[in-house]
Amino acid sequence: MGDHKEQPLRVGAAVRRRRRALELTLAVVAERSGLSVPFLSQIENERARPSQSSLEKVADALRTTAVELLAAADPACSVDVVRAEGTESVLEPRSRSLVRGHHQMHASEFTGDQDAGREFQYRNDQLMYVADGAVEIEAEGRAYRLGRGDTLYLTGGVRHRWRATVEDTRVIVVAVAEHIEAVRDRPRR
């Protein structure tokens, strides 16, 4: 009834809208992301579906996040159910959006070990919840160890990175959407 039909997200239009809003050419996005112009064109025209890694490169080049691009891929719904995927053990890191559409809040589930070298910085506040396993989060020069059931709140603008310290770790990240003016811009240190 309230479920979306099982269809892959169409992220190409969201990528094109973001690129055009920033007044960037495909060549500039290709240079920033390390991906080819033809591949980016195929993504925008829905002829290619980017891997999570490629989508993150495109998002970085467009100064946004993969979650934001995925969220912009579907029309907003007032009520939506996102079904759980299989409960089998995950060997490779993955992420999935828990909220579809263009909303004021986004939530994602990260499973397995993520790229510990990747630094994140979001405009608005976010909450990280460890559903299973354990993580180490580095923020503002300090390391925080979180286990199952622990949460960490990060104010918008805080640079951070994290990594799973236990196999089969699941982290839920809930954040105020980037397009929302939830906090005043803070001076960066």
N, C-alpha and C. Protein backbone atom coordinates (compact mmCIF):
# COMPACT_ATOMS: atom_id res chain seq x y z
N MET A 1 0.82 -1.19 0.00
CA MET A 1 0.00 0.00 0.00
C MET A 1 0.86 1.25 0.00
N GLY A 2 1.55 1.54 1.15
CA GLY A 2 2.38 2.73 1.24
C GLY A 2 3.79 2.50 0.74
N ASP A 3 4.11 1.26 0.37
CA ASP A 3 5.46 0.96 -0.09
C ASP A 3 5.69 1.47 -1.50
N HIS A 4 6.92 1.94 -1.74
CA HIS A 4 7.31 2.24 -3.12
C HIS A 4 7.55 0.91 -3.81
N LYS A 5 7.28 0.86 -5.08
CA LYS A 5 7.58 -0.36 -5.83
C LYS A 5 9.09 -0.57 -5.84
N GLU A 6 9.51 -1.81 -5.93
CA GLU A 6 10.93 -2.13 -5.94
C GLU A 6 11.57 -1.63 -7.24
N GLN A 7 12.11 -0.43 -7.20
CA GLN A 7 12.79 0.15 -8.35
C GLN A 7 14.10 0.74 -7.88
N PRO A 8 15.14 0.65 -8.70
CA PRO A 8 16.38 1.31 -8.30
C PRO A 8 16.18 2.83 -8.32
N LEU A 9 16.88 3.50 -7.43
CA LEU A 9 16.80 4.96 -7.42
C LEU A 9 17.40 5.51 -8.70
N ARG A 10 16.78 6.54 -9.23
CA ARG A 10 17.28 7.20 -10.44
C ARG A 10 17.97 8.48 -9.99
N VAL A 11 19.29 8.38 -9.83
CA VAL A 11 20.07 9.47 -9.25
C VAL A 11 20.58 10.46 -10.30
N GLY A 12 20.52 10.11 -11.57
CA GLY A 12 21.08 10.96 -12.63
C GLY A 12 20.50 12.36 -12.66
N ALA A 13 19.18 12.47 -12.54
CA ALA A 13 18.56 13.80 -12.57
C ALA A 13 19.01 14.64 -11.39
N ALA A 14 19.18 14.01 -10.23
CA ALA A 14 19.65 14.74 -9.04
C ALA A 14 21.08 15.25 -9.25
N VAL A 15 21.92 14.42 -9.88
CA VAL A 15 23.30 14.83 -10.17
C VAL A 15 23.28 16.01 -11.14
N ARG A 16 22.48 15.92 -12.19
CA ARG A 16 22.41 17.00 -13.18
C ARG A 16 21.90 18.29 -12.55
N ARG A 17 20.83 18.20 -11.74
CA ARG A 17 20.29 19.40 -11.09
C ARG A 17 21.34 20.06 -10.21
N ARG A 18 22.05 19.27 -9.42
CA ARG A 18 23.08 19.82 -8.52
C ARG A 18 24.21 20.45 -9.32
N ARG A 19 24.66 19.77 -10.37
CA ARG A 19 25.76 20.30 -11.20
C ARG A 19 25.35 21.62 -11.83
N ARG A 20 24.14 21.67 -12.36
CA ARG A 20 23.68 22.91 -13.01
C ARG A 20 23.47 24.03 -11.98
N ALA A 21 22.98 23.69 -10.80
CA ALA A 21 22.79 24.71 -9.75
C ALA A 21 24.13 25.34 -9.36
N LEU A 22 25.19 24.55 -9.43
CA LEU A 22 26.53 25.06 -9.13
C LEU A 22 27.20 25.68 -10.35
N GLU A 23 26.50 25.63 -11.50
CA GLU A 23 27.00 26.15 -12.76
C GLU A 23 28.34 25.52 -13.15
N LEU A 24 28.41 24.19 -13.03
CA LEU A 24 29.61 23.44 -13.38
C LEU A 24 29.39 22.67 -14.68
N THR A 25 30.45 22.51 -15.43
CA THR A 25 30.39 21.68 -16.63
C THR A 25 30.71 20.23 -16.24
N LEU A 26 30.38 19.32 -17.11
CA LEU A 26 30.74 17.92 -16.88
C LEU A 26 32.25 17.77 -16.77
N ALA A 27 32.98 18.56 -17.55
CA ALA A 27 34.44 18.49 -17.52
C ALA A 27 35.00 18.86 -16.14
N VAL A 28 34.42 19.87 -15.51
CA VAL A 28 34.88 20.28 -14.18
C VAL A 28 34.57 19.19 -13.16
N VAL A 29 33.37 18.62 -13.22
CA VAL A 29 33.01 17.55 -12.30
C VAL A 29 33.90 16.33 -12.53
N ALA A 30 34.21 16.05 -13.79
CA ALA A 30 35.09 14.93 -14.10
C ALA A 30 36.48 15.15 -13.50
N GLU A 31 36.99 16.35 -13.64
CA GLU A 31 38.32 16.67 -13.09
C GLU A 31 38.32 16.54 -11.56
N ARG A 32 37.29 17.06 -10.92
CA ARG A 32 37.21 17.01 -9.45
C ARG A 32 37.01 15.60 -8.92
N SER A 33 36.27 14.77 -9.66
CA SER A 33 35.91 13.44 -9.17
C SER A 33 36.88 12.35 -9.61
N GLY A 34 37.63 12.60 -10.69
CA GLY A 34 38.51 11.57 -11.22
C GLY A 34 37.77 10.58 -12.12
N LEU A 35 36.51 10.90 -12.44
CA LEU A 35 35.71 10.05 -13.33
C LEU A 35 35.69 10.69 -14.72
N SER A 36 35.36 9.92 -15.73
CA SER A 36 35.38 10.43 -17.10
C SER A 36 34.10 11.21 -17.43
N VAL A 37 34.23 12.13 -18.38
CA VAL A 37 33.07 12.90 -18.85
C VAL A 37 32.00 11.97 -19.43
N PRO A 38 32.38 10.99 -20.29
CA PRO A 38 31.34 10.09 -20.82
C PRO A 38 30.59 9.32 -19.73
N PHE A 39 31.32 8.87 -18.70
CA PHE A 39 30.67 8.13 -17.62
C PHE A 39 29.71 9.04 -16.85
N LEU A 40 30.12 10.27 -16.57
CA LEU A 40 29.24 11.21 -15.87
C LEU A 40 28.00 11.52 -16.71
N SER A 41 28.18 11.64 -18.02
CA SER A 41 27.06 11.88 -18.91
C SER A 41 26.09 10.70 -18.87
N GLN A 42 26.64 9.48 -18.85
CA GLN A 42 25.80 8.28 -18.77
C GLN A 42 25.03 8.24 -17.46
N ILE A 43 25.66 8.66 -16.37
CA ILE A 43 24.97 8.71 -15.07
C ILE A 43 23.81 9.69 -15.15
N GLU A 44 24.09 10.90 -15.64
CA GLU A 44 23.05 11.93 -15.71
C GLU A 44 21.89 11.52 -16.61
N ASN A 45 22.17 10.74 -17.64
CA ASN A 45 21.13 10.31 -18.57
C ASN A 45 20.55 8.94 -18.23
N GLU A 46 20.86 8.45 -17.02
CA GLU A 46 20.33 7.18 -16.51
C GLU A 46 20.73 5.97 -17.37
N ARG A 47 21.85 6.07 -18.07
CA ARG A 47 22.34 4.94 -18.86
C ARG A 47 23.40 4.15 -18.10
N ALA A 48 23.84 4.70 -16.96
CA ALA A 48 24.80 4.01 -16.09
C ALA A 48 24.39 4.26 -14.65
N ARG A 49 24.58 3.25 -13.84
CA ARG A 49 24.27 3.37 -12.41
C ARG A 49 25.59 3.36 -11.65
N PRO A 50 25.90 4.46 -10.95
CA PRO A 50 27.20 4.53 -10.28
C PRO A 50 27.28 3.61 -9.07
N SER A 51 28.47 3.09 -8.82
CA SER A 51 28.71 2.33 -7.59
C SER A 51 28.68 3.31 -6.43
N GLN A 52 28.65 2.80 -5.21
CA GLN A 52 28.67 3.68 -4.04
C GLN A 52 29.92 4.55 -4.05
N SER A 53 31.05 3.96 -4.40
CA SER A 53 32.31 4.69 -4.44
C SER A 53 32.26 5.82 -5.48
N SER A 54 31.75 5.52 -6.67
CA SER A 54 31.64 6.54 -7.72
C SER A 54 30.66 7.63 -7.31
N LEU A 55 29.56 7.24 -6.69
CA LEU A 55 28.58 8.23 -6.26
C LEU A 55 29.18 9.17 -5.22
N GLU A 56 30.00 8.63 -4.32
CA GLU A 56 30.66 9.46 -3.31
C GLU A 56 31.64 10.43 -3.97
N LYS A 57 32.35 9.97 -5.00
CA LYS A 57 33.27 10.86 -5.73
C LYS A 57 32.51 11.98 -6.41
N VAL A 58 31.38 11.65 -7.03
CA VAL A 58 30.55 12.66 -7.69
C VAL A 58 30.02 13.64 -6.64
N ALA A 59 29.54 13.11 -5.52
CA ALA A 59 29.01 13.96 -4.45
C ALA A 59 30.08 14.91 -3.93
N ASP A 60 31.28 14.39 -3.69
CA ASP A 60 32.38 15.25 -3.23
C ASP A 60 32.66 16.35 -4.25
N ALA A 61 32.68 16.00 -5.52
CA ALA A 61 32.94 16.98 -6.58
C ALA A 61 31.85 18.05 -6.62
N LEU A 62 30.63 17.67 -6.24
CA LEU A 62 29.50 18.59 -6.24
C LEU A 62 29.28 19.23 -4.86
N ARG A 63 30.24 19.01 -3.96
CA ARG A 63 30.18 19.59 -2.62
C ARG A 63 28.89 19.26 -1.87
N THR A 64 28.55 17.97 -1.94
CA THR A 64 27.38 17.46 -1.23
C THR A 64 27.70 16.05 -0.78
N THR A 65 26.72 15.28 -0.41
CA THR A 65 26.94 13.90 0.03
C THR A 65 26.16 12.94 -0.86
N ALA A 66 26.58 11.69 -0.86
CA ALA A 66 25.86 10.67 -1.62
C ALA A 66 24.44 10.54 -1.08
N VAL A 67 24.28 10.68 0.22
CA VAL A 67 22.95 10.59 0.84
C VAL A 67 22.05 11.69 0.28
N GLU A 68 22.57 12.90 0.17
CA GLU A 68 21.77 14.01 -0.37
C GLU A 68 21.37 13.73 -1.82
N LEU A 69 22.31 13.22 -2.62
CA LEU A 69 21.99 12.92 -4.01
C LEU A 69 20.93 11.83 -4.11
N LEU A 70 21.06 10.80 -3.30
CA LEU A 70 20.06 9.73 -3.31
C LEU A 70 18.71 10.24 -2.83
N ALA A 71 18.73 11.10 -1.83
CA ALA A 71 17.48 11.64 -1.31
C ALA A 71 16.77 12.49 -2.37
N ALA A 72 17.53 13.21 -3.17
CA ALA A 72 16.96 14.05 -4.21
C ALA A 72 16.50 13.24 -5.42
N ALA A 73 16.83 11.96 -5.44
CA ALA A 73 16.50 11.11 -6.59
C ALA A 73 15.04 10.73 -6.64
N ASP A 74 14.36 10.68 -5.53
CA ASP A 74 12.96 10.28 -5.47
C ASP A 74 12.10 11.47 -5.08
N PRO A 75 10.87 11.53 -5.58
CA PRO A 75 9.98 12.59 -5.11
C PRO A 75 9.64 12.37 -3.64
N ALA A 76 9.39 13.45 -2.94
CA ALA A 76 9.08 13.36 -1.52
C ALA A 76 7.73 12.67 -1.31
N CYS A 77 7.62 11.94 -0.23
CA CYS A 77 6.39 11.28 0.17
C CYS A 77 6.10 11.69 1.60
N SER A 78 4.83 11.82 1.94
CA SER A 78 4.51 12.17 3.32
C SER A 78 4.61 10.95 4.23
N VAL A 79 4.36 9.77 3.70
CA VAL A 79 4.51 8.52 4.45
C VAL A 79 5.21 7.54 3.51
N ASP A 80 6.26 6.92 4.00
CA ASP A 80 7.01 5.99 3.16
C ASP A 80 7.60 4.90 4.03
N VAL A 81 7.59 3.70 3.53
CA VAL A 81 8.19 2.57 4.22
C VAL A 81 9.40 2.13 3.42
N VAL A 82 10.54 2.03 4.07
CA VAL A 82 11.74 1.51 3.44
C VAL A 82 11.98 0.14 4.05
N ARG A 83 11.83 -0.89 3.27
CA ARG A 83 11.93 -2.26 3.76
C ARG A 83 13.38 -2.65 4.03
N ALA A 84 13.57 -3.46 5.05
CA ALA A 84 14.89 -3.99 5.37
C ALA A 84 15.33 -4.93 4.26
N GLU A 85 16.60 -4.93 4.02
CA GLU A 85 17.14 -5.87 3.05
C GLU A 85 17.44 -7.17 3.78
N GLY A 86 18.02 -8.13 3.09
CA GLY A 86 18.35 -9.41 3.71
C GLY A 86 19.16 -9.25 4.98
N THR A 87 19.02 -10.17 5.90
CA THR A 87 19.72 -10.07 7.18
C THR A 87 21.01 -10.89 7.19
N GLU A 88 21.45 -11.30 6.03
CA GLU A 88 22.67 -12.09 5.96
C GLU A 88 23.88 -11.25 6.36
N SER A 89 24.94 -11.90 6.75
CA SER A 89 26.18 -11.22 7.12
C SER A 89 26.73 -10.48 5.90
N VAL A 90 27.22 -9.30 6.13
CA VAL A 90 27.73 -8.47 5.03
C VAL A 90 29.25 -8.54 5.02
N LEU A 91 29.81 -8.91 3.88
CA LEU A 91 31.26 -8.99 3.77
C LEU A 91 31.87 -7.68 3.30
N GLU A 92 31.14 -6.92 2.50
CA GLU A 92 31.66 -5.66 1.98
C GLU A 92 30.92 -4.50 2.63
N PRO A 93 31.61 -3.38 2.82
CA PRO A 93 30.94 -2.21 3.38
C PRO A 93 29.83 -1.74 2.43
N ARG A 94 28.74 -1.26 3.02
CA ARG A 94 27.67 -0.73 2.19
C ARG A 94 26.90 0.31 2.99
N SER A 95 26.15 1.09 2.27
CA SER A 95 25.27 2.04 2.93
C SER A 95 23.95 2.04 2.20
N ARG A 96 22.91 2.39 2.93
CA ARG A 96 21.60 2.50 2.30
C ARG A 96 20.85 3.63 2.98
N SER A 97 20.09 4.32 2.19
CA SER A 97 19.28 5.40 2.71
C SER A 97 18.05 4.82 3.39
N LEU A 98 17.73 5.33 4.56
CA LEU A 98 16.56 4.88 5.30
C LEU A 98 15.37 5.80 5.07
N VAL A 99 15.62 6.91 4.39
CA VAL A 99 14.57 7.88 4.06
C VAL A 99 14.71 8.23 2.59
N ARG A 100 13.63 8.07 1.83
CA ARG A 100 13.67 8.41 0.41
C ARG A 100 13.02 9.76 0.19
N GLY A 101 13.46 10.43 -0.83
CA GLY A 101 12.83 11.69 -1.19
C GLY A 101 13.59 12.89 -0.66
N HIS A 102 13.09 14.06 -0.97
CA HIS A 102 13.71 15.32 -0.60
C HIS A 102 13.03 15.82 0.68
N HIS A 103 13.61 15.50 1.82
CA HIS A 103 13.00 15.80 3.12
C HIS A 103 13.91 16.70 3.95
N GLN A 104 13.42 17.10 5.10
CA GLN A 104 14.20 17.94 6.00
C GLN A 104 15.19 17.14 6.84
N MET A 105 15.02 15.84 6.87
CA MET A 105 15.89 14.97 7.64
C MET A 105 16.27 13.77 6.78
N HIS A 106 17.49 13.32 6.97
CA HIS A 106 17.96 12.13 6.26
C HIS A 106 18.51 11.13 7.26
N ALA A 107 18.36 9.87 6.93
CA ALA A 107 18.91 8.82 7.77
C ALA A 107 19.51 7.76 6.86
N SER A 108 20.66 7.26 7.25
CA SER A 108 21.35 6.23 6.48
C SER A 108 21.87 5.16 7.42
N GLU A 109 21.96 3.95 6.89
CA GLU A 109 22.53 2.83 7.63
C GLU A 109 23.83 2.45 6.93
N PHE A 110 24.91 2.40 7.71
CA PHE A 110 26.20 1.99 7.19
C PHE A 110 26.54 0.65 7.83
N THR A 111 26.89 -0.33 7.00
CA THR A 111 27.19 -1.67 7.47
C THR A 111 28.60 -2.04 7.06
N GLY A 112 29.34 -2.63 7.98
CA GLY A 112 30.71 -3.03 7.69
C GLY A 112 31.67 -1.87 7.91
N ASP A 113 32.93 -2.11 7.58
CA ASP A 113 33.96 -1.09 7.78
C ASP A 113 33.90 -0.10 6.63
N GLN A 114 33.84 1.17 6.95
CA GLN A 114 33.81 2.23 5.93
C GLN A 114 35.22 2.74 5.71
N ASP A 115 35.38 3.67 4.80
CA ASP A 115 36.69 4.25 4.48
C ASP A 115 37.13 5.13 5.65
N ALA A 116 38.01 4.61 6.51
CA ALA A 116 38.44 5.33 7.71
C ALA A 116 39.21 6.60 7.38
N GLY A 117 39.78 6.68 6.19
CA GLY A 117 40.54 7.87 5.81
C GLY A 117 39.67 9.01 5.32
N ARG A 118 38.41 8.75 5.05
CA ARG A 118 37.52 9.77 4.51
C ARG A 118 37.02 10.68 5.62
N GLU A 119 37.19 11.97 5.43
CA GLU A 119 36.72 12.93 6.42
C GLU A 119 35.36 13.48 6.00
N PHE A 120 34.48 13.63 6.97
CA PHE A 120 33.14 14.14 6.73
C PHE A 120 32.97 15.47 7.44
N GLN A 121 32.17 16.33 6.84
CA GLN A 121 31.78 17.58 7.47
C GLN A 121 30.43 17.96 6.89
N TYR A 122 29.42 18.01 7.75
CA TYR A 122 28.09 18.34 7.30
C TYR A 122 27.71 19.73 7.79
N ARG A 123 26.91 20.39 7.02
CA ARG A 123 26.49 21.75 7.35
C ARG A 123 25.65 21.77 8.63
N ASN A 124 24.77 20.79 8.77
CA ASN A 124 23.84 20.76 9.90
C ASN A 124 24.17 19.62 10.86
N ASP A 125 23.48 19.60 11.98
CA ASP A 125 23.72 18.62 13.03
C ASP A 125 23.38 17.20 12.58
N GLN A 126 24.05 16.24 13.22
CA GLN A 126 23.77 14.84 12.95
C GLN A 126 23.95 14.01 14.20
N LEU A 127 23.32 12.86 14.20
CA LEU A 127 23.40 11.91 15.30
C LEU A 127 23.84 10.58 14.73
N MET A 128 24.84 9.97 15.36
CA MET A 128 25.30 8.64 14.96
C MET A 128 24.91 7.66 16.06
N TYR A 129 24.26 6.56 15.67
CA TYR A 129 23.82 5.53 16.60
C TYR A 129 24.42 4.20 16.17
N VAL A 130 25.08 3.52 17.09
CA VAL A 130 25.68 2.22 16.78
C VAL A 130 24.63 1.15 17.07
N ALA A 131 24.07 0.57 16.02
CA ALA A 131 23.04 -0.46 16.16
C ALA A 131 23.66 -1.82 16.51
N ASP A 132 24.80 -2.12 15.92
CA ASP A 132 25.54 -3.36 16.18
C ASP A 132 27.02 -3.08 16.05
N GLY A 133 27.83 -3.83 16.82
CA GLY A 133 29.27 -3.72 16.70
C GLY A 133 29.84 -2.55 17.48
N ALA A 134 30.91 -1.97 16.96
CA ALA A 134 31.59 -0.86 17.63
C ALA A 134 32.31 -0.01 16.60
N VAL A 135 32.46 1.28 16.92
CA VAL A 135 33.16 2.20 16.04
C VAL A 135 34.10 3.08 16.85
N GLU A 136 35.05 3.65 16.13
CA GLU A 136 35.90 4.69 16.70
C GLU A 136 35.69 5.91 15.82
N ILE A 137 35.37 7.03 16.47
CA ILE A 137 35.10 8.27 15.75
C ILE A 137 36.12 9.30 16.21
N GLU A 138 36.72 9.97 15.24
CA GLU A 138 37.67 11.04 15.54
C GLU A 138 37.01 12.35 15.16
N ALA A 139 36.87 13.24 16.15
CA ALA A 139 36.24 14.54 15.93
C ALA A 139 36.91 15.58 16.83
N GLU A 140 37.24 16.71 16.25
CA GLU A 140 37.85 17.80 16.99
C GLU A 140 39.07 17.36 17.80
N GLY A 141 39.91 16.51 17.20
CA GLY A 141 41.14 16.09 17.84
C GLY A 141 41.01 15.05 18.92
N ARG A 142 39.82 14.52 19.11
CA ARG A 142 39.61 13.48 20.13
C ARG A 142 39.04 12.22 19.48
N ALA A 143 39.37 11.09 20.09
CA ALA A 143 38.82 9.81 19.62
C ALA A 143 37.75 9.36 20.59
N TYR A 144 36.64 8.91 20.03
CA TYR A 144 35.52 8.42 20.83
C TYR A 144 35.26 6.97 20.42
N ARG A 145 35.17 6.09 21.40
CA ARG A 145 34.85 4.69 21.13
C ARG A 145 33.39 4.47 21.52
N LEU A 146 32.63 3.98 20.56
CA LEU A 146 31.21 3.72 20.80
C LEU A 146 30.91 2.26 20.56
N GLY A 147 30.08 1.69 21.41
CA GLY A 147 29.64 0.31 21.27
C GLY A 147 28.15 0.27 20.98
N ARG A 148 27.63 -0.93 20.89
CA ARG A 148 26.21 -1.14 20.58
C ARG A 148 25.32 -0.33 21.52
N GLY A 149 24.42 0.45 20.91
CA GLY A 149 23.48 1.26 21.67
C GLY A 149 23.96 2.66 21.99
N ASP A 150 25.24 2.96 21.75
CA ASP A 150 25.79 4.29 22.03
C ASP A 150 25.45 5.26 20.90
N THR A 151 25.37 6.54 21.24
CA THR A 151 25.16 7.58 20.25
C THR A 151 26.21 8.67 20.40
N LEU A 152 26.43 9.39 19.32
CA LEU A 152 27.32 10.55 19.30
C LEU A 152 26.60 11.64 18.53
N TYR A 153 26.52 12.81 19.11
CA TYR A 153 25.88 13.96 18.47
C TYR A 153 26.99 14.89 17.97
N LEU A 154 26.88 15.30 16.73
CA LEU A 154 27.86 16.21 16.14
C LEU A 154 27.15 17.47 15.67
N THR A 155 27.64 18.60 16.13
CA THR A 155 27.10 19.87 15.70
C THR A 155 27.53 20.10 14.25
N GLY A 156 26.68 20.78 13.49
CA GLY A 156 27.01 21.08 12.10
C GLY A 156 28.36 21.76 11.98
N GLY A 157 29.12 21.37 10.96
CA GLY A 157 30.43 21.97 10.71
C GLY A 157 31.60 21.23 11.32
N VAL A 158 31.33 20.25 12.19
CA VAL A 158 32.42 19.52 12.84
C VAL A 158 32.99 18.50 11.86
N ARG A 159 34.28 18.60 11.62
CA ARG A 159 34.96 17.61 10.77
C ARG A 159 35.18 16.34 11.58
N HIS A 160 34.93 15.20 10.94
CA HIS A 160 35.09 13.93 11.65
C HIS A 160 35.34 12.80 10.66
N ARG A 161 35.83 11.72 11.20
CA ARG A 161 36.00 10.47 10.44
C ARG A 161 35.69 9.34 11.40
N TRP A 162 35.33 8.19 10.84
CA TRP A 162 35.02 7.06 11.70
C TRP A 162 35.35 5.75 11.01
N ARG A 163 35.50 4.73 11.85
CA ARG A 163 35.77 3.40 11.33
C ARG A 163 35.17 2.36 12.26
N ALA A 164 34.76 1.25 11.68
CA ALA A 164 34.26 0.13 12.47
C ALA A 164 35.43 -0.58 13.11
N THR A 165 35.28 -0.98 14.36
CA THR A 165 36.34 -1.73 15.05
C THR A 165 35.95 -3.18 15.29
N VAL A 166 34.72 -3.51 14.89
CA VAL A 166 34.20 -4.87 15.03
C VAL A 166 33.54 -5.25 13.71
N GLU A 167 33.72 -6.50 13.30
CA GLU A 167 33.10 -6.99 12.07
C GLU A 167 31.58 -6.90 12.17
N ASP A 168 30.92 -6.70 11.05
CA ASP A 168 29.45 -6.61 10.97
C ASP A 168 28.87 -5.45 11.78
N THR A 169 29.60 -4.36 11.86
CA THR A 169 29.11 -3.17 12.56
C THR A 169 28.04 -2.50 11.72
N ARG A 170 27.00 -1.99 12.39
CA ARG A 170 25.94 -1.22 11.73
C ARG A 170 25.79 0.11 12.45
N VAL A 171 25.89 1.20 11.70
CA VAL A 171 25.76 2.54 12.26
C VAL A 171 24.62 3.24 11.54
N ILE A 172 23.75 3.88 12.32
CA ILE A 172 22.66 4.68 11.76
C ILE A 172 23.04 6.14 11.95
N VAL A 173 23.00 6.89 10.86
CA VAL A 173 23.31 8.33 10.91
C VAL A 173 22.04 9.08 10.52
N VAL A 174 21.59 9.95 11.42
CA VAL A 174 20.41 10.79 11.18
C VAL A 174 20.89 12.23 11.18
N ALA A 175 20.53 12.97 10.12
CA ALA A 175 21.03 14.34 9.99
C ALA A 175 19.95 15.26 9.43
N VAL A 176 20.06 16.52 9.80
CA VAL A 176 19.24 17.55 9.20
C VAL A 176 19.76 17.73 7.78
N ALA A 177 18.87 17.77 6.80
CA ALA A 177 19.26 17.84 5.39
C ALA A 177 20.10 19.08 5.11
N GLU A 178 21.00 18.94 4.15
CA GLU A 178 21.91 20.02 3.77
C GLU A 178 21.19 21.25 3.25
N HIS A 179 20.04 21.08 2.64
CA HIS A 179 19.34 22.24 2.06
C HIS A 179 18.57 23.05 3.11
N ILE A 180 18.56 22.59 4.34
CA ILE A 180 17.85 23.27 5.43
C ILE A 180 18.80 24.23 6.12
N GLU A 181 18.34 25.43 6.37
CA GLU A 181 19.12 26.43 7.11
C GLU A 181 18.80 26.25 8.59
N ALA A 182 19.34 25.18 9.19
CA ALA A 182 19.00 24.84 10.57
C ALA A 182 19.85 25.62 11.57
N VAL A 183 21.05 25.94 11.19
CA VAL A 183 21.96 26.67 12.08
C VAL A 183 22.62 27.79 11.27
N ARG A 184 23.01 28.81 11.97
CA ARG A 184 23.76 29.87 11.31
C ARG A 184 25.12 29.32 10.93
N ASP A 185 25.65 29.81 9.83
CA ASP A 185 27.01 29.39 9.46
C ASP A 185 27.96 29.82 10.56
N ARG A 186 28.77 28.89 11.01
CA ARG A 186 29.75 29.18 12.06
C ARG A 186 31.09 29.44 11.41
N PRO A 187 31.87 30.30 12.00
CA PRO A 187 33.21 30.49 11.45
C PRO A 187 34.02 29.21 11.59
N ARG A 188 34.74 28.86 10.56
CA ARG A 188 35.56 27.63 10.59
C ARG A 188 36.88 27.94 11.26
N ARG A 189 37.35 26.97 12.02
CA ARG A 189 38.62 27.15 12.74
C ARG A 189 39.76 26.65 11.93
